Amino acid sequence: MQGDMVAKSRPASSYSVHYSFSQRFEFPARDAYNWSMDYRADDIERLGKKGTRRVRRVNDDTLVLTDIYFSEKGGRESKRRLIRMYPELLTMVNTRLSADGLHSQFIYRFMDEADGGSRLDFTGAQVFYGERPSAPRIASLARELMKEDSAIWVRLARAMKKDLSSPS
């Protein structure tokens, strides 16, 4: 009887692609972290893309982002993320909740630099479903993901500089 109560399904085949990069900022780590954790409805536009963002605060350090991106051909892509903030560590963890990349996780750690600036150390583990490709293909995917995500942070660093350098 007890065996009937346990699901006997086999998990879908999946694999992770790990990648990382660093992004430099002209501001102290605390300022860069605070700016980065200030999620807003217009964030998609700040990334140079078309779309909308809904921010739902669960509590002071947890929120759910729902981003909808619009393509030029009229298509749309939705991404839902659980964001866990660790302000005492200047760290944030982003876990994908939407079907595309489900269970992928991204760690953002902000660190001070000796010159008064800071850097973001990003580590990603993107989950793909299906059979594991060859090692060279995984390495190629890691390079593509790193290039795409680091380009986003280059744009965000420019927006941060504009926002934090302008008089309030």
C-alpha atoms as a PDB file:
ATOM      1  CA  MET A   1       0.000   0.000   0.000  1.00  0.00           C
ATOM      2  CA  GLN A   2       2.733   2.470   0.912  1.00  0.00           C
ATOM      3  CA  GLY A   3       4.395   2.008  -2.487  1.00  0.00           C
ATOM      4  CA  ASP A   4       1.205   3.207  -4.152  1.00  0.00           C
ATOM      5  CA  MET A   5       1.518   6.532  -2.341  1.00  0.00           C
ATOM      6  CA  VAL A   6       4.952   7.318  -3.754  1.00  0.00           C
ATOM      7  CA  ALA A   7       5.096   8.742  -7.266  1.00  0.00           C
ATOM      8  CA  LYS A   8       7.096   6.472  -9.538  1.00  0.00           C
ATOM      9  CA  SER A   9       7.870   8.974 -12.268  1.00  0.00           C
ATOM     10  CA  ARG A  10      11.332   9.374 -13.709  1.00  0.00           C
ATOM     11  CA  PRO A  11      12.651  12.966 -13.692  1.00  0.00           C
ATOM     12  CA  ALA A  12      13.167  14.621 -17.060  1.00  0.00           C
ATOM     13  CA  SER A  13      16.704  14.543 -18.356  1.00  0.00           C
ATOM     14  CA  SER A  14      18.474  17.840 -17.746  1.00  0.00           C
ATOM     15  CA  TYR A  15      21.907  19.410 -17.465  1.00  0.00           C
ATOM     16  CA  SER A  16      23.363  22.679 -16.223  1.00  0.00           C
ATOM     17  CA  VAL A  17      25.664  25.101 -17.962  1.00  0.00           C
ATOM     18  CA  HIS A  18      27.828  27.039 -15.519  1.00  0.00           C
ATOM     19  CA  TYR A  19      29.387  30.397 -16.364  1.00  0.00           C
ATOM     20  CA  SER A  20      30.619  33.531 -14.645  1.00  0.00           C
ATOM     21  CA  PHE A  21      31.876  37.059 -15.215  1.00  0.00           C
ATOM     22  CA  SER A  22      32.660  40.255 -13.326  1.00  0.00           C
ATOM     23  CA  GLN A  23      31.390  43.782 -13.960  1.00  0.00           C
ATOM     24  CA  ARG A  24      33.133  46.879 -12.624  1.00  0.00           C
ATOM     25  CA  PHE A  25      31.320  49.918 -11.149  1.00  0.00           C
ATOM     26  CA  GLU A  26      32.581  53.376 -10.177  1.00  0.00           C
ATOM     27  CA  PHE A  27      30.627  53.286  -6.922  1.00  0.00           C
ATOM     28  CA  PRO A  28      31.042  51.537  -3.561  1.00  0.00           C
ATOM     29  CA  ALA A  29      29.578  48.031  -3.412  1.00  0.00           C
ATOM     30  CA  ARG A  30      26.747  49.074  -1.064  1.00  0.00           C
ATOM     31  CA  ASP A  31      25.598  51.775  -3.503  1.00  0.00           C
ATOM     32  CA  ALA A  32      25.848  49.417  -6.497  1.00  0.00           C
ATOM     33  CA  TYR A  33      23.959  46.699  -4.624  1.00  0.00           C
ATOM     34  CA  ASN A  34      21.196  49.064  -3.467  1.00  0.00           C
ATOM     35  CA  TRP A  35      20.778  50.472  -6.972  1.00  0.00           C
ATOM     36  CA  SER A  36      20.652  46.970  -8.470  1.00  0.00           C
ATOM     37  CA  MET A  37      18.065  45.722  -5.970  1.00  0.00           C
ATOM     38  CA  ASP A  38      15.704  48.642  -6.644  1.00  0.00           C
ATOM     39  CA  TYR A  39      13.494  46.737  -9.080  1.00  0.00           C
ATOM     40  CA  ARG A  40      11.116  48.897 -11.108  1.00  0.00           C
ATOM     41  CA  ALA A  41       8.419  48.475 -13.734  1.00  0.00           C
ATOM     42  CA  ASP A  42      10.593  50.215 -16.371  1.00  0.00           C
ATOM     43  CA  ASP A  43      13.639  47.926 -15.901  1.00  0.00           C
ATOM     44  CA  ILE A  44      13.027  46.116 -19.208  1.00  0.00           C
ATOM     45  CA  GLU A  45      13.296  49.401 -21.108  1.00  0.00           C
ATOM     46  CA  ARG A  46      16.520  50.196 -19.204  1.00  0.00           C
ATOM     47  CA  LEU A  47      17.924  46.977 -20.670  1.00  0.00           C
ATOM     48  CA  GLY A  48      17.236  48.305 -24.149  1.00  0.00           C
ATOM     49  CA  LYS A  49      14.381  45.855 -24.736  1.00  0.00           C
ATOM     50  CA  LYS A  50      10.618  46.106 -25.195  1.00  0.00           C
ATOM     51  CA  GLY A  51       8.489  44.647 -22.459  1.00  0.00           C
ATOM     52  CA  THR A  52       6.966  44.981 -19.038  1.00  0.00           C
ATOM     53  CA  ARG A  53       7.965  43.980 -15.518  1.00  0.00           C
ATOM     54  CA  ARG A  54       5.711  43.254 -12.594  1.00  0.00           C
ATOM     55  CA  VAL A  55       7.332  43.308  -9.164  1.00  0.00           C
ATOM     56  CA  ARG A  56       5.576  41.469  -6.331  1.00  0.00           C
ATOM     57  CA  ARG A  57       7.179  41.879  -2.921  1.00  0.00           C
ATOM     58  CA  VAL A  58       6.830  38.804  -0.738  1.00  0.00           C
ATOM     59  CA  ASN A  59       8.675  40.463   2.168  1.00  0.00           C
ATOM     60  CA  ASP A  60      11.654  42.775   2.730  1.00  0.00           C
ATOM     61  CA  ASP A  61      14.200  40.429   1.155  1.00  0.00           C
ATOM     62  CA  THR A  62      12.115  38.311  -1.233  1.00  0.00           C
ATOM     63  CA  LEU A  63      10.235  39.212  -4.374  1.00  0.00           C
ATOM     64  CA  VAL A  64       8.873  37.668  -7.541  1.00  0.00           C
ATOM     65  CA  LEU A  65       9.568  39.311 -10.899  1.00  0.00           C
ATOM     66  CA  THR A  66       7.392  38.617 -13.911  1.00  0.00           C
ATOM     67  CA  ASP A  67       8.983  39.950 -17.083  1.00  0.00           C
ATOM     68  CA  ILE A  68       7.288  39.903 -20.463  1.00  0.00           C
ATOM     69  CA  TYR A  69       9.503  40.628 -23.471  1.00  0.00           C
ATOM     70  CA  PHE A  70       8.051  41.595 -26.856  1.00  0.00           C
ATOM     71  CA  SER A  71       9.873  40.714 -30.070  1.00  0.00           C
ATOM     72  CA  GLU A  72       9.812  42.860 -33.187  1.00  0.00           C
ATOM     73  CA  LYS A  73       7.870  40.099 -34.962  1.00  0.00           C
ATOM     74  CA  GLY A  74       5.021  40.318 -32.444  1.00  0.00           C
ATOM     75  CA  GLY A  75       6.050  37.375 -30.303  1.00  0.00           C
ATOM     76  CA  ARG A  76       6.285  37.456 -26.563  1.00  0.00           C
ATOM     77  CA  GLU A  77       8.334  35.649 -23.956  1.00  0.00           C
ATOM     78  CA  SER A  78       7.560  35.514 -20.251  1.00  0.00           C
ATOM     79  CA  LYS A  79      10.132  34.933 -17.494  1.00  0.00           C
ATOM     80  CA  ARG A  80       9.277  34.563 -13.825  1.00  0.00           C
ATOM     81  CA  ARG A  81      11.974  34.755 -11.170  1.00  0.00           C
ATOM     82  CA  LEU A  82      12.227  34.403  -7.415  1.00  0.00           C
ATOM     83  CA  ILE A  83      14.670  36.984  -6.057  1.00  0.00           C
ATOM     84  CA  ARG A  84      16.253  36.460  -2.623  1.00  0.00           C
ATOM     85  CA  MET A  85      18.291  39.393  -1.346  1.00  0.00           C
ATOM     86  CA  TYR A  86      21.006  39.107   1.293  1.00  0.00           C
ATOM     87  CA  PRO A  87      21.845  42.770   2.013  1.00  0.00           C
ATOM     88  CA  GLU A  88      24.265  41.923   4.824  1.00  0.00           C
ATOM     89  CA  LEU A  89      26.325  39.932   2.266  1.00  0.00           C
ATOM     90  CA  LEU A  90      25.700  42.318  -0.657  1.00  0.00           C
ATOM     91  CA  THR A  91      24.433  39.245  -2.482  1.00  0.00           C
ATOM     92  CA  MET A  92      21.307  38.296  -4.391  1.00  0.00           C
ATOM     93  CA  VAL A  93      20.128  34.922  -5.711  1.00  0.00           C
ATOM     94  CA  ASN A  94      17.797  34.737  -8.711  1.00  0.00           C
ATOM     95  CA  THR A  95      15.966  31.438  -9.291  1.00  0.00           C
ATOM     96  CA  ARG A  96      14.003  30.907 -12.496  1.00  0.00           C
ATOM     97  CA  LEU A  97      10.393  29.852 -11.962  1.00  0.00           C
ATOM     98  CA  SER A  98       9.163  29.977 -15.562  1.00  0.00           C
ATOM     99  CA  ALA A  99       9.251  26.988 -17.921  1.00  0.00           C
ATOM    100  CA  ASP A 100      12.127  28.397 -19.982  1.00  0.00           C
ATOM    101  CA  GLY A 101      15.180  27.704 -17.830  1.00  0.00           C
ATOM    102  CA  LEU A 102      13.130  26.328 -14.931  1.00  0.00           C
ATOM    103  CA  HIS A 103      15.299  25.836 -11.824  1.00  0.00           C
ATOM    104  CA  SER A 104      18.206  27.847 -13.232  1.00  0.00           C
ATOM    105  CA  GLN A 105      19.949  29.896 -10.578  1.00  0.00           C
ATOM    106  CA  PHE A 106      22.111  33.006 -10.671  1.00  0.00           C
ATOM    107  CA  ILE A 107      24.219  34.485  -7.869  1.00  0.00           C
ATOM    108  CA  TYR A 108      25.158  38.178  -7.793  1.00  0.00           C
ATOM    109  CA  ARG A 109      27.805  39.255  -5.281  1.00  0.00           C
ATOM    110  CA  PHE A 110      28.916  42.877  -4.994  1.00  0.00           C
ATOM    111  CA  MET A 111      32.412  43.545  -3.646  1.00  0.00           C
ATOM    112  CA  ASP A 112      34.357  46.709  -2.848  1.00  0.00           C
ATOM    113  CA  GLU A 113      37.571  47.409  -4.740  1.00  0.00           C
ATOM    114  CA  ALA A 114      40.630  49.169  -3.307  1.00  0.00           C
ATOM    115  CA  ASP A 115      40.109  52.273  -5.488  1.00  0.00           C
ATOM    116  CA  GLY A 116      36.674  53.056  -3.992  1.00  0.00           C
ATOM    117  CA  GLY A 117      34.754  51.411  -6.814  1.00  0.00           C
ATOM    118  CA  SER A 118      33.275  47.941  -6.779  1.00  0.00           C
ATOM    119  CA  ARG A 119      32.566  44.912  -8.883  1.00  0.00           C
ATOM    120  CA  LEU A 120      29.803  42.411  -9.370  1.00  0.00           C
ATOM    121  CA  ASP A 121      30.863  38.762  -9.407  1.00  0.00           C
ATOM    122  CA  PHE A 122      28.156  36.855 -11.283  1.00  0.00           C
ATOM    123  CA  THR A 123      27.824  33.066 -11.291  1.00  0.00           C
ATOM    124  CA  GLY A 124      25.155  31.362 -13.371  1.00  0.00           C
ATOM    125  CA  ALA A 125      23.858  27.810 -13.548  1.00  0.00           C
ATOM    126  CA  GLN A 126      21.436  27.657 -16.476  1.00  0.00           C
ATOM    127  CA  VAL A 127      19.355  24.466 -16.558  1.00  0.00           C
ATOM    128  CA  PHE A 128      18.470  22.951 -19.918  1.00  0.00           C
ATOM    129  CA  TYR A 129      16.092  20.039 -20.372  1.00  0.00           C
ATOM    130  CA  GLY A 130      16.906  17.227 -22.751  1.00  0.00           C
ATOM    131  CA  GLU A 131      19.923  15.047 -23.362  1.00  0.00           C
ATOM    132  CA  ARG A 132      23.300  16.402 -22.296  1.00  0.00           C
ATOM    133  CA  PRO A 133      25.284  17.636 -25.321  1.00  0.00           C
ATOM    134  CA  SER A 134      29.007  17.185 -25.836  1.00  0.00           C
ATOM    135  CA  ALA A 135      31.533  19.015 -23.652  1.00  0.00           C
ATOM    136  CA  PRO A 136      32.490  21.380 -26.515  1.00  0.00           C
ATOM    137  CA  ARG A 137      28.811  22.280 -27.033  1.00  0.00           C
ATOM    138  CA  ILE A 138      28.366  22.971 -23.305  1.00  0.00           C
ATOM    139  CA  ALA A 139      31.482  25.187 -23.385  1.00  0.00           C
ATOM    140  CA  SER A 140      30.021  27.033 -26.377  1.00  0.00           C
ATOM    141  CA  LEU A 141      26.698  27.523 -24.564  1.00  0.00           C
ATOM    142  CA  ALA A 142      28.568  28.865 -21.518  1.00  0.00           C
ATOM    143  CA  ARG A 143      30.374  31.424 -23.700  1.00  0.00           C
ATOM    144  CA  GLU A 144      27.089  32.493 -25.338  1.00  0.00           C
ATOM    145  CA  LEU A 145      25.307  32.889 -21.984  1.00  0.00           C
ATOM    146  CA  MET A 146      28.254  34.790 -20.481  1.00  0.00           C
ATOM    147  CA  LYS A 147      28.369  37.144 -23.456  1.00  0.00           C
ATOM    148  CA  GLU A 148      24.605  37.792 -23.304  1.00  0.00           C
ATOM    149  CA  ASP A 149      24.413  38.333 -19.536  1.00  0.00           C
ATOM    150  CA  SER A 150      27.598  40.390 -19.283  1.00  0.00           C
ATOM    151  CA  ALA A 151      26.295  42.684 -22.056  1.00  0.00           C
ATOM    152  CA  ILE A 152      23.199  43.309 -19.931  1.00  0.00           C
ATOM    153  CA  TRP A 153      25.400  44.329 -16.991  1.00  0.00           C
ATOM    154  CA  VAL A 154      27.455  46.668 -19.186  1.00  0.00           C
ATOM    155  CA  ARG A 155      24.166  48.466 -20.012  1.00  0.00           C
ATOM    156  CA  LEU A 156      23.132  48.426 -16.360  1.00  0.00           C
ATOM    157  CA  ALA A 157      26.513  49.856 -15.307  1.00  0.00           C
ATOM    158  CA  ARG A 158      25.915  52.783 -17.692  1.00  0.00           C
ATOM    159  CA  ALA A 159      22.423  53.348 -16.276  1.00  0.00           C
ATOM    160  CA  MET A 160      23.811  53.117 -12.735  1.00  0.00           C
ATOM    161  CA  LYS A 161      26.469  55.710 -13.540  1.00  0.00           C
ATOM    162  CA  LYS A 162      23.837  58.036 -14.973  1.00  0.00           C
ATOM    163  CA  ASP A 163      21.524  57.624 -11.967  1.00  0.00           C
ATOM    164  CA  LEU A 164      24.132  57.758  -9.197  1.00  0.00           C
ATOM    165  CA  SER A 165      26.199  60.571 -10.719  1.00  0.00           C
ATOM    166  CA  SER A 166      23.284  62.956 -11.240  1.00  0.00           C
ATOM    167  CA  PRO A 167      22.389  65.347  -8.459  1.00  0.00           C
ATOM    168  CA  SER A 168      19.293  64.326  -6.509  1.00  0.00           C
END
